PDB file of N, CA and C in Angstrom:
ATOM      1  N   GLN A   1      10.115  33.347  -8.929  1.00  0.00           N
ATOM      2  CA  GLN A   1       9.436  31.890  -9.391  1.00  0.00           C
ATOM      3  C   GLN A   1       7.812  32.169  -9.492  1.00  0.00           C
ATOM      4  N   SER A   2       7.128  32.677  -8.909  1.00  0.00           N
ATOM      5  CA  SER A   2       5.511  32.473  -9.104  1.00  0.00           C
ATOM      6  C   SER A   2       5.496  33.394 -10.521  1.00  0.00           C
ATOM      7  N   VAL A   3       6.118  34.469 -10.813  1.00  0.00           N
ATOM      8  CA  VAL A   3       5.941  34.971 -12.082  1.00  0.00           C
ATOM      9  C   VAL A   3       6.171  34.050 -13.072  1.00  0.00           C
ATOM     10  N   ASN A   4       7.214  33.215 -13.250  1.00  0.00           N
ATOM     11  CA  ASN A   4       7.928  32.335 -13.800  1.00  0.00           C
ATOM     12  C   ASN A   4       6.666  30.635 -13.954  1.00  0.00           C
ATOM     13  N   ALA A   5       5.760  30.610 -13.144  1.00  0.00           N
ATOM     14  CA  ALA A   5       4.749  29.725 -12.697  1.00  0.00           C
ATOM     15  C   ALA A   5       3.762  29.815 -13.584  1.00  0.00           C
ATOM     16  N   ASP A   6       3.378  31.226 -13.459  1.00  0.00           N
ATOM     17  CA  ASP A   6       2.420  32.044 -13.959  1.00  0.00           C
ATOM     18  C   ASP A   6       2.408  32.281 -15.701  1.00  0.00           C
ATOM     19  N   ILE A   7       3.561  32.159 -16.263  1.00  0.00           N
ATOM     20  CA  ILE A   7       3.785  32.645 -17.414  1.00  0.00           C
ATOM     21  C   ILE A   7       3.981  31.026 -18.198  1.00  0.00           C
ATOM     22  N   THR A   8       4.485  30.010 -17.483  1.00  0.00           N
ATOM     23  CA  THR A   8       4.502  28.675 -17.727  1.00  0.00           C
ATOM     24  C   THR A   8       2.911  28.123 -17.758  1.00  0.00           C
ATOM     25  N   LYS A   9       2.176  28.329 -16.934  1.00  0.00           N
ATOM     26  CA  LYS A   9       0.721  27.931 -17.106  1.00  0.00           C
ATOM     27  C   LYS A   9      -0.079  28.999 -18.253  1.00  0.00           C
ATOM     28  N   LYS A  10       0.093  29.964 -18.355  1.00  0.00           N
ATOM     29  CA  LYS A  10      -0.565  30.502 -19.320  1.00  0.00           C
ATOM     30  C   LYS A  10      -0.120  30.074 -20.606  1.00  0.00           C
ATOM     31  N   ALA A  11       0.991  29.427 -21.257  1.00  0.00           N
ATOM     32  CA  ALA A  11       1.957  29.278 -22.045  1.00  0.00           C
ATOM     33  C   ALA A  11       1.206  27.846 -22.327  1.00  0.00           C
ATOM     34  N   MET A  12       1.531  27.174 -21.608  1.00  0.00           N
ATOM     35  CA  MET A  12       0.482  25.884 -21.314  1.00  0.00           C
ATOM     36  C   MET A  12      -0.655  25.682 -21.924  1.00  0.00           C
ATOM     37  N   ALA A  13      -1.455  26.848 -21.108  1.00  0.00           N
ATOM     38  CA  ALA A  13      -2.804  26.914 -21.747  1.00  0.00           C
ATOM     39  C   ALA A  13      -3.416  27.358 -23.014  1.00  0.00           C
ATOM     40  N   ASP A  14      -2.407  28.390 -23.850  1.00  0.00           N
ATOM     41  CA  ASP A  14      -2.457  29.406 -25.133  1.00  0.00           C
ATOM     42  C   ASP A  14      -2.003  27.542 -26.012  1.00  0.00           C
ATOM     43  N   ILE A  15      -0.881  27.148 -25.536  1.00  0.00           N
ATOM     44  CA  ILE A  15      -0.320  25.976 -26.339  1.00  0.00           C
ATOM     45  C   ILE A  15      -1.788  25.236 -26.595  1.00  0.00           C
ATOM     46  N   ARG A  16      -2.322  24.471 -25.417  1.00  0.00           N
ATOM     47  CA  ARG A  16      -3.536  23.859 -25.639  1.00  0.00           C
ATOM     48  C   ARG A  16      -4.642  24.239 -26.427  1.00  0.00           C
ATOM     49  N   ARG A  17      -5.052  25.520 -26.103  1.00  0.00           N
ATOM     50  CA  ARG A  17      -6.015  25.952 -26.965  1.00  0.00           C
ATOM     51  C   ARG A  17      -5.688  26.152 -27.867  1.00  0.00           C
ATOM     52  N   TYR A  18      -4.320  26.339 -28.948  1.00  0.00           N
ATOM     53  CA  TYR A  18      -4.109  26.308 -30.390  1.00  0.00           C
ATOM     54  C   TYR A  18      -3.969  25.409 -30.953  1.00  0.00           C
ATOM     55  N   ALA A  19      -3.549  24.335 -30.281  1.00  0.00           N
ATOM     56  CA  ALA A  19      -3.580  22.953 -30.801  1.00  0.00           C
ATOM     57  C   ALA A  19      -4.752  22.243 -31.017  1.00  0.00           C
ATOM     58  N   LEU A  20      -6.027  22.984 -30.039  1.00  0.00           N
ATOM     59  CA  LEU A  20      -7.373  22.184 -29.909  1.00  0.00           C
ATOM     60  C   LEU A  20      -8.213  22.963 -31.318  1.00  0.00           C
ATOM     61  N   LYS A  21      -7.886  24.384 -31.255  1.00  0.00           N
ATOM     62  CA  LYS A  21      -8.021  24.759 -32.223  1.00  0.00           C
ATOM     63  C   LYS A  21      -8.041  24.470 -33.674  1.00  0.00           C
ATOM     64  N   ASN A  22      -6.683  24.153 -34.184  1.00  0.00           N
ATOM     65  CA  ASN A  22      -5.971  23.944 -35.121  1.00  0.00           C
ATOM     66  C   ASN A  22      -5.715  22.490 -36.108  1.00  0.00           C
ATOM     67  N   LYS A  23      -6.667  21.741 -34.658  1.00  0.00           N
ATOM     68  CA  LYS A  23      -6.318  20.088 -34.798  1.00  0.00           C
ATOM     69  C   LYS A  23      -5.056  19.933 -34.806  1.00  0.00           C
ATOM     70  N   VAL A  24      -4.183  20.414 -34.070  1.00  0.00           N
ATOM     71  CA  VAL A  24      -2.235  19.726 -34.281  1.00  0.00           C
ATOM     72  C   VAL A  24      -2.552  18.567 -33.488  1.00  0.00           C
ATOM     73  N   ARG A  25      -2.044  17.180 -34.006  1.00  0.00           N
ATOM     74  CA  ARG A  25      -2.128  16.292 -33.341  1.00  0.00           C
ATOM     75  C   ARG A  25      -0.891  16.183 -32.248  1.00  0.00           C
ATOM     76  N   THR A  26      -0.580  16.345 -30.907  1.00  0.00           N
ATOM     77  CA  THR A  26      -0.085  16.309 -30.231  1.00  0.00           C
ATOM     78  C   THR A  26      -0.595  16.585 -28.762  1.00  0.00           C
ATOM     79  N   CYS A  27       0.274  15.914 -27.770  1.00  0.00           N
ATOM     80  CA  CYS A  27       0.233  16.053 -26.459  1.00  0.00           C
ATOM     81  C   CYS A  27       1.110  16.512 -25.444  1.00  0.00           C
ATOM     82  N   PHE A  28       1.267  16.883 -23.990  1.00  0.00           N
ATOM     83  CA  PHE A  28       2.011  17.653 -22.942  1.00  0.00           C
ATOM     84  C   PHE A  28       2.597  15.950 -22.675  1.00  0.00           C
ATOM     85  N   MET A  29       4.162  16.282 -22.841  1.00  0.00           N
ATOM     86  CA  MET A  29       4.930  14.790 -22.095  1.00  0.00           C
ATOM     87  C   MET A  29       5.418  15.621 -20.421  1.00  0.00           C
ATOM     88  N   ASN A  30       6.029  16.318 -20.819  1.00  0.00           N
ATOM     89  CA  ASN A  30       6.352  17.035 -19.271  1.00  0.00           C
ATOM     90  C   ASN A  30       6.320  18.648 -19.400  1.00  0.00           C
ATOM     91  N   ALA A  31       6.803  19.264 -18.055  1.00  0.00           N
ATOM     92  CA  ALA A  31       6.774  20.738 -17.920  1.00  0.00           C
ATOM     93  C   ALA A  31       7.556  20.924 -16.913  1.00  0.00           C
ATOM     94  N   VAL A  32       8.842  21.807 -16.364  1.00  0.00           N
ATOM     95  CA  VAL A  32       9.196  21.773 -15.424  1.00  0.00           C
ATOM     96  C   VAL A  32       9.855  23.016 -15.802  1.00  0.00           C
ATOM     97  N   TYR A  33       9.636  23.745 -14.583  1.00  0.00           N
ATOM     98  CA  TYR A  33      10.148  25.400 -14.669  1.00  0.00           C
ATOM     99  C   TYR A  33       9.491  26.099 -15.894  1.00  0.00           C
ATOM    100  N   ASP A  34      10.913  26.194 -16.674  1.00  0.00           N
ATOM    101  CA  ASP A  34      10.264  26.987 -17.880  1.00  0.00           C
ATOM    102  C   ASP A  34      10.408  26.000 -19.032  1.00  0.00           C
ATOM    103  N   GLU A  35      10.275  24.827 -18.848  1.00  0.00           N
ATOM    104  CA  GLU A  35      10.277  23.760 -19.932  1.00  0.00           C
ATOM    105  C   GLU A  35       8.917  23.203 -20.391  1.00  0.00           C
ATOM    106  N   ILE A  36       8.891  23.191 -21.484  1.00  0.00           N
ATOM    107  CA  ILE A  36       7.593  22.690 -22.140  1.00  0.00           C
ATOM    108  C   ILE A  36       7.637  21.405 -22.811  1.00  0.00           C
ATOM    109  N   VAL A  37       7.553  20.452 -22.913  1.00  0.00           N
ATOM    110  CA  VAL A  37       8.014  19.177 -23.552  1.00  0.00           C
ATOM    111  C   VAL A  37       6.536  18.740 -24.247  1.00  0.00           C
ATOM    112  N   THR A  38       6.222  18.615 -25.158  1.00  0.00           N
ATOM    113  CA  THR A  38       5.586  17.986 -26.005  1.00  0.00           C
ATOM    114  C   THR A  38       5.625  16.910 -26.988  1.00  0.00           C
ATOM    115  N   ARG A  39       4.947  15.970 -27.633  1.00  0.00           N
ATOM    116  CA  ARG A  39       5.209  14.820 -28.478  1.00  0.00           C
ATOM    117  C   ARG A  39       4.094  15.391 -29.476  1.00  0.00           C
ATOM    118  N   THR A  40       4.583  15.404 -30.889  1.00  0.00           N
ATOM    119  CA  THR A  40       3.849  15.985 -32.130  1.00  0.00           C
ATOM    120  C   THR A  40       4.259  15.061 -32.736  1.00  0.00           C
ATOM    121  N   HIS A  41       2.819  14.921 -33.598  1.00  0.00           N
ATOM    122  CA  HIS A  41       2.835  13.870 -35.058  1.00  0.00           C
ATOM    123  C   HIS A  41       4.115  14.784 -36.061  1.00  0.00           C
ATOM    124  N   LYS A  42       4.741  13.778 -36.700  1.00  0.00           N
ATOM    125  CA  LYS A  42       5.760  14.259 -37.674  1.00  0.00           C
ATOM    126  C   LYS A  42       5.024  15.143 -38.391  1.00  0.00           C
ATOM    127  N   ASP A  43       3.966  15.061 -39.333  1.00  0.00           N
ATOM    128  CA  ASP A  43       3.255  15.672 -40.032  1.00  0.00           C
ATOM    129  C   ASP A  43       2.997  17.175 -39.734  1.00  0.00           C
ATOM    130  N   ASP A  44       2.835  17.385 -38.523  1.00  0.00           N
ATOM    131  CA  ASP A  44       2.409  18.556 -37.765  1.00  0.00           C
ATOM    132  C   ASP A  44       3.306  19.345 -36.965  1.00  0.00           C
ATOM    133  N   SER A  45       4.479  18.608 -37.030  1.00  0.00           N
ATOM    134  CA  SER A  45       5.784  19.176 -36.109  1.00  0.00           C
ATOM    135  C   SER A  45       6.692  20.269 -36.361  1.00  0.00           C
ATOM    136  N   GLU A  46       7.041  20.739 -37.165  1.00  0.00           N
ATOM    137  CA  GLU A  46       7.898  21.620 -37.685  1.00  0.00           C
ATOM    138  C   GLU A  46       6.797  22.939 -37.593  1.00  0.00           C
ATOM    139  N   ALA A  47       5.880  23.163 -38.160  1.00  0.00           N
ATOM    140  CA  ALA A  47       4.797  24.325 -38.069  1.00  0.00           C
ATOM    141  C   ALA A  47       4.609  24.605 -36.576  1.00  0.00           C
ATOM    142  N   PHE A  48       4.295  23.426 -35.588  1.00  0.00           N
ATOM    143  CA  PHE A  48       3.847  23.589 -34.291  1.00  0.00           C
ATOM    144  C   PHE A  48       4.662  23.968 -33.490  1.00  0.00           C
ATOM    145  N   HIS A  49       6.014  23.545 -33.896  1.00  0.00           N
ATOM    146  CA  HIS A  49       6.818  24.081 -33.037  1.00  0.00           C
ATOM    147  C   HIS A  49       7.160  25.765 -33.174  1.00  0.00           C
ATOM    148  N   ALA A  50       7.396  25.929 -34.528  1.00  0.00           N
ATOM    149  CA  ALA A  50       7.420  27.637 -34.555  1.00  0.00           C
ATOM    150  C   ALA A  50       6.368  28.085 -33.710  1.00  0.00           C
ATOM    151  N   LYS A  51       5.057  27.582 -33.891  1.00  0.00           N
ATOM    152  CA  LYS A  51       3.891  28.109 -33.511  1.00  0.00           C
ATOM    153  C   LYS A  51       3.884  27.906 -31.693  1.00  0.00           C
ATOM    154  N   LYS A  52       4.572  27.118 -30.918  1.00  0.00           N
ATOM    155  CA  LYS A  52       4.968  26.928 -29.747  1.00  0.00           C
ATOM    156  C   LYS A  52       5.603  27.615 -28.886  1.00  0.00           C
ATOM    157  N   LEU A  53       7.185  28.202 -29.933  1.00  0.00           N
ATOM    158  CA  LEU A  53       7.890  29.194 -29.517  1.00  0.00           C
ATOM    159  C   LEU A  53       7.008  30.591 -29.261  1.00  0.00           C
ATOM    160  N   GLU A  54       6.339  30.401 -30.315  1.00  0.00           N
ATOM    161  CA  GLU A  54       6.043  32.033 -30.288  1.00  0.00           C
ATOM    162  C   GLU A  54       4.967  32.332 -29.471  1.00  0.00           C
ATOM    163  N   ILE A  55       4.019  31.248 -28.947  1.00  0.00           N
ATOM    164  CA  ILE A  55       3.050  31.192 -28.011  1.00  0.00           C
ATOM    165  C   ILE A  55       4.044  31.604 -26.633  1.00  0.00           C
ATOM    166  N   MET A  56       4.860  30.592 -26.316  1.00  0.00           N
ATOM    167  CA  MET A  56       5.688  30.691 -25.760  1.00  0.00           C
ATOM    168  C   MET A  56       6.409  32.394 -24.771  1.00  0.00           C
ATOM    169  N   GLU A  57       6.895  32.905 -26.377  1.00  0.00           N
ATOM    170  CA  GLU A  57       7.476  34.476 -26.105  1.00  0.00           C
ATOM    171  C   GLU A  57       6.217  35.082 -25.540  1.00  0.00           C
ATOM    172  N   ALA A  58       5.083  35.100 -26.348  1.00  0.00           N
ATOM    173  CA  ALA A  58       3.979  36.114 -26.021  1.00  0.00           C
ATOM    174  C   ALA A  58       3.840  35.914 -24.447  1.00  0.00           C
ATOM    175  N   ALA A  59       3.452  34.844 -23.743  1.00  0.00           N
ATOM    176  CA  ALA A  59       2.862  34.516 -22.024  1.00  0.00           C
ATOM    177  C   ALA A  59       4.014  34.864 -21.835  1.00  0.00           C
ATOM    178  N   GLY A  60       5.113  35.298 -21.970  1.00  0.00           N
ATOM    179  CA  GLY A  60       6.053  36.066 -21.160  1.00  0.00           C
ATOM    180  C   GLY A  60       6.130  37.235 -21.425  1.00  0.00           C
ATOM    181  N   ALA A  61       5.612  37.873 -22.628  1.00  0.00           N
ATOM    182  CA  ALA A  61       5.559  39.316 -22.639  1.00  0.00           C
ATOM    183  C   ALA A  61       4.178  39.955 -22.087  1.00  0.00           C
ATOM    184  N   HIS A  62       3.067  38.769 -21.711  1.00  0.00           N
ATOM    185  CA  HIS A  62       2.290  39.336 -21.043  1.00  0.00           C
ATOM    186  C   HIS A  62       2.459  39.922 -19.785  1.00  0.00           C
ATOM    187  N   TRP A  63       3.536  39.468 -18.958  1.00  0.00           N
ATOM    188  CA  TRP A  63       3.768  39.858 -17.565  1.00  0.00           C
ATOM    189  C   TRP A  63       4.684  41.036 -17.576  1.00  0.00           C
ATOM    190  N   ILE A  64       6.026  40.381 -18.345  1.00  0.00           N
ATOM    191  CA  ILE A  64       7.245  41.429 -18.317  1.00  0.00           C
ATOM    192  C   ILE A  64       7.409  41.925 -19.080  1.00  0.00           C
ATOM    193  N   LYS A  65       7.351  43.396 -19.582  1.00  0.00           N
ATOM    194  CA  LYS A  65       6.934  44.499 -20.345  1.00  0.00           C
ATOM    195  C   LYS A  65       8.275  44.709 -21.177  1.00  0.00           C
ATOM    196  N   SER A  66       9.319  45.012 -19.930  1.00  0.00           N
ATOM    197  CA  SER A  66      10.631  45.621 -20.233  1.00  0.00           C
ATOM    198  C   SER A  66      11.925  44.645 -20.422  1.00  0.00           C
ATOM    199  N   VAL A  67      11.751  43.426 -20.505  1.00  0.00           N
ATOM    200  CA  VAL A  67      12.572  42.738 -20.903  1.00  0.00           C
ATOM    201  C   VAL A  67      11.794  41.615 -21.993  1.00  0.00           C
ATOM    202  N   PRO A  68      12.959  42.161 -23.142  1.00  0.00           N
ATOM    203  CA  PRO A  68      12.018  40.871 -24.507  1.00  0.00           C
ATOM    204  C   PRO A  68      12.446  39.428 -23.863  1.00  0.00           C
ATOM    205  N   MET A  69      11.331  38.828 -24.409  1.00  0.00           N
ATOM    206  CA  MET A  69      11.186  37.262 -23.692  1.00  0.00           C
ATOM    207  C   MET A  69      11.871  36.226 -25.083  1.00  0.00           C
ATOM    208  N   ILE A  70      12.936  35.724 -24.696  1.00  0.00           N
ATOM    209  CA  ILE A  70      13.301  35.122 -25.962  1.00  0.00           C
ATOM    210  C   ILE A  70      13.316  33.296 -25.409  1.00  0.00           C
ATOM    211  N   VAL A  71      12.887  32.747 -26.692  1.00  0.00           N
ATOM    212  CA  VAL A  71      12.717  31.203 -26.037  1.00  0.00           C
ATOM    213  C   VAL A  71      13.525  30.627 -27.020  1.00  0.00           C
ATOM    214  N   ASP A  72      14.036  29.341 -26.575  1.00  0.00           N
ATOM    215  CA  ASP A  72      15.176  28.725 -26.944  1.00  0.00           C
ATOM    216  C   ASP A  72      14.523  26.861 -27.460  1.00  0.00           C
ATOM    217  N   GLY A  73      14.464  26.590 -28.167  1.00  0.00           N
ATOM    218  CA  GLY A  73      13.671  24.997 -28.520  1.00  0.00           C
ATOM    219  C   GLY A  73      14.101  24.379 -29.352  1.00  0.00           C
ATOM    220  N   HIS A  74      13.865  23.058 -29.297  1.00  0.00           N
ATOM    221  CA  HIS A  74      14.241  22.427 -30.890  1.00  0.00           C
ATOM    222  C   HIS A  74      13.274  21.412 -31.030  1.00  0.00           C
ATOM    223  N   ALA A  75      13.024  20.789 -31.928  1.00  0.00           N
ATOM    224  CA  ALA A  75      11.942  19.607 -32.475  1.00  0.00           C
ATOM    225  C   ALA A  75      13.134  18.492 -33.123  1.00  0.00           C
ATOM    226  N   GLY A  76      12.749  17.751 -32.447  1.00  0.00           N
ATOM    227  CA  GLY A  76      13.575  16.317 -32.748  1.00  0.00           C
ATOM    228  C   GLY A  76      12.803  15.078 -32.631  1.00  0.00           C
ATOM    229  N   PRO A  77      13.540  14.096 -33.081  1.00  0.00           N
ATOM    230  CA  PRO A  77      12.927  12.431 -33.012  1.00  0.00           C
ATOM    231  C   PRO A  77      12.401  12.103 -31.706  1.00  0.00           C
ATOM    232  N   PHE A  78      13.490  13.143 -30.471  1.00  0.00           N
ATOM    233  CA  PHE A  78      13.879  12.190 -29.200  1.00  0.00           C
ATOM    234  C   PHE A  78      13.833  13.676 -28.435  1.00  0.00           C
ATOM    235  N   TRP A  79      13.591  13.608 -26.943  1.00  0.00           N
ATOM    236  CA  TRP A  79      13.707  14.469 -26.212  1.00  0.00           C
ATOM    237  C   TRP A  79      15.544  14.412 -25.959  1.00  0.00           C
ATOM    238  N   THR A  80      16.056  15.590 -26.026  1.00  0.00           N
ATOM    239  CA  THR A  80      17.849  16.030 -25.156  1.00  0.00           C
ATOM    240  C   THR A  80      17.550  17.179 -24.337  1.00  0.00           C
ATOM    241  N   LYS A  81      18.687  17.133 -23.856  1.00  0.00           N
ATOM    242  CA  LYS A  81      18.657  18.571 -23.136  1.00  0.00           C
ATOM    243  C   LYS A  81      19.506  19.345 -24.095  1.00  0.00           C
TER     244      LYS A  81
END
């Protein structure tokens, strides 16, 4: 549990840093366990989504080296399970 929390916090910080640096129009909506939900302008959505998944995988790999981190997600007009 604690490593998962550290991974999620690192991912959120790195996502925010990336968004600010690249002027991505996005904001965090929710974060629960290992799920990070953002709302992003439609013009930035696809590229940001791909980068967000990459950042989340890198955050996991920062602590867990022996198991590959795989992130699943989607971009769409509304939040779904």
